[in-house]
C-alpha atoms as a PDB file:
ATOM      1  CA  MET A   1       1.062   4.340  12.946  1.00  0.00           C
ATOM      2  CA  ASN A   2       1.100   0.829  11.528  1.00  0.00           C
ATOM      3  CA  ILE A   3       0.619   1.851   7.898  1.00  0.00           C
ATOM      4  CA  ALA A   4       1.994  -1.434   6.560  1.00  0.00           C
ATOM      5  CA  SER A   5      -1.164  -3.180   7.767  1.00  0.00           C
ATOM      6  CA  GLY A   6      -3.345  -0.868   5.706  1.00  0.00           C
ATOM      7  CA  ILE A   7      -5.279   0.375   8.704  1.00  0.00           C
ATOM      8  CA  PRO A   8      -3.376   3.439   9.972  1.00  0.00           C
ATOM      9  CA  LYS A   9      -6.298   4.776  12.040  1.00  0.00           C
ATOM     10  CA  PHE A  10      -6.827   1.547  13.974  1.00  0.00           C
ATOM     11  CA  CYS A  11      -4.279   1.967  16.753  1.00  0.00           C
ATOM     12  CA  SER A  12      -0.951   3.709  17.116  1.00  0.00           C
ATOM     13  CA  LEU A  13       2.036   1.389  17.202  1.00  0.00           C
ATOM     14  CA  SER A  14       3.289   2.992  20.436  1.00  0.00           C
ATOM     15  CA  ILE A  15       0.150   1.788  22.258  1.00  0.00           C
ATOM     16  CA  ILE A  16       0.611  -1.766  21.010  1.00  0.00           C
ATOM     17  CA  GLN A  17       4.330  -1.852  21.823  1.00  0.00           C
ATOM     18  CA  ALA A  18       3.988  -0.342  25.317  1.00  0.00           C
ATOM     19  CA  ASP A  19       4.894  -2.672  28.184  1.00  0.00           C
ATOM     20  CA  GLY A  20       1.911  -3.853  30.189  1.00  0.00           C
ATOM     21  CA  ASN A  21      -0.740  -2.730  27.715  1.00  0.00           C
ATOM     22  CA  ALA A  22      -4.189  -4.305  27.978  1.00  0.00           C
ATOM     23  CA  TYR A  23      -4.327  -5.353  24.328  1.00  0.00           C
ATOM     24  CA  ILE A  24      -1.503  -7.905  24.109  1.00  0.00           C
ATOM     25  CA  ARG A  25      -0.910 -10.853  26.423  1.00  0.00           C
ATOM     26  CA  ASP A  26       1.319 -13.861  25.705  1.00  0.00           C
ATOM     27  CA  ASP A  27       1.855 -12.799  22.068  1.00  0.00           C
ATOM     28  CA  THR A  28      -1.919 -12.618  21.482  1.00  0.00           C
ATOM     29  CA  MET A  29      -3.777  -9.418  20.578  1.00  0.00           C
ATOM     30  CA  PHE A  30      -7.223  -8.940  22.127  1.00  0.00           C
ATOM     31  CA  ILE A  31      -9.723  -6.752  20.299  1.00  0.00           C
ATOM     32  CA  LYS A  32     -13.334  -6.203  21.360  1.00  0.00           C
ATOM     33  CA  ILE A  33     -15.757  -5.561  18.516  1.00  0.00           C
ATOM     34  CA  MET A  34     -19.391  -4.556  18.875  1.00  0.00           C
ATOM     35  CA  MET A  35     -21.633  -4.665  15.809  1.00  0.00           C
ATOM     36  CA  ASP A  36     -25.232  -3.517  15.447  1.00  0.00           C
ATOM     37  CA  PHE A  37     -27.161  -5.571  12.894  1.00  0.00           C
ATOM     38  CA  GLY A  38     -30.546  -4.171  13.946  1.00  0.00           C
ATOM     39  CA  ASP A  39     -31.188  -2.168  10.783  1.00  0.00           C
ATOM     40  CA  LEU A  40     -30.057  -4.879   8.344  1.00  0.00           C
ATOM     41  CA  PRO A  41     -32.614  -7.151   6.681  1.00  0.00           C
ATOM     42  CA  LYS A  42     -32.237 -10.677   8.053  1.00  0.00           C
ATOM     43  CA  ASN A  43     -32.220 -12.220   4.575  1.00  0.00           C
ATOM     44  CA  SER A  44     -29.185 -10.055   3.619  1.00  0.00           C
ATOM     45  CA  LEU A  45     -27.136 -10.731   6.735  1.00  0.00           C
ATOM     46  CA  GLN A  46     -25.369 -13.860   5.459  1.00  0.00           C
ATOM     47  CA  PHE A  47     -24.431 -12.102   2.206  1.00  0.00           C
ATOM     48  CA  ILE A  48     -23.134  -9.010   4.010  1.00  0.00           C
ATOM     49  CA  LEU A  49     -21.063 -11.021   6.490  1.00  0.00           C
ATOM     50  CA  GLY A  50     -19.502 -12.877   3.556  1.00  0.00           C
ATOM     51  CA  LEU A  51     -18.146  -9.700   1.937  1.00  0.00           C
ATOM     52  CA  ASN A  52     -14.389  -9.355   1.699  1.00  0.00           C
ATOM     53  CA  PRO A  53     -13.351  -7.079   4.605  1.00  0.00           C
ATOM     54  CA  GLY A  54     -10.381  -5.958   2.516  1.00  0.00           C
ATOM     55  CA  PHE A  55     -12.676  -4.021   0.180  1.00  0.00           C
ATOM     56  CA  PRO A  56     -12.827  -0.276   0.881  1.00  0.00           C
ATOM     57  CA  MET A  57     -15.937   0.753   2.825  1.00  0.00           C
ATOM     58  CA  ASN A  58     -17.483   2.586  -0.144  1.00  0.00           C
ATOM     59  CA  ILE A  59     -17.154  -0.567  -2.298  1.00  0.00           C
ATOM     60  CA  GLN A  60     -18.712  -2.717   0.439  1.00  0.00           C
ATOM     61  CA  GLN A  61     -21.613  -0.276   0.748  1.00  0.00           C
ATOM     62  CA  ALA A  62     -22.158  -0.250  -3.030  1.00  0.00           C
ATOM     63  CA  ILE A  63     -22.209  -4.070  -3.095  1.00  0.00           C
ATOM     64  CA  MET A  64     -24.683  -4.129  -0.189  1.00  0.00           C
ATOM     65  CA  LYS A  65     -26.982  -1.634  -1.941  1.00  0.00           C
ATOM     66  CA  GLU A  66     -26.896  -3.696  -5.138  1.00  0.00           C
ATOM     67  CA  GLU A  67     -27.755  -6.871  -3.220  1.00  0.00           C
ATOM     68  CA  SER A  68     -30.582  -5.065  -1.429  1.00  0.00           C
ATOM     69  CA  LYS A  69     -32.021  -3.963  -4.791  1.00  0.00           C
ATOM     70  CA  LYS A  70     -31.856  -7.548  -6.089  1.00  0.00           C
ATOM     71  CA  GLN A  71     -33.719  -8.901  -3.067  1.00  0.00           C
ATOM     72  CA  THR A  72     -36.518  -6.315  -3.273  1.00  0.00           C
ATOM     73  CA  GLN A  73     -37.262  -7.154  -6.926  1.00  0.00           C
END
């Protein structure tokens, strides 16, 4: 696992280093991400997308809850 990156569950290093894998071409890594914003309030979306992705998920969720409380007041 690529623990040095801080995301050991993302992808095993053997998959990335394998010859002919579908994720790396010409020294570029391709990652497809699908996100569902359907249940997020539209007025909070810009704030949420601006959060630091380096924060642990529980911290991000706590910040989002706090912002949601502020906007409902």
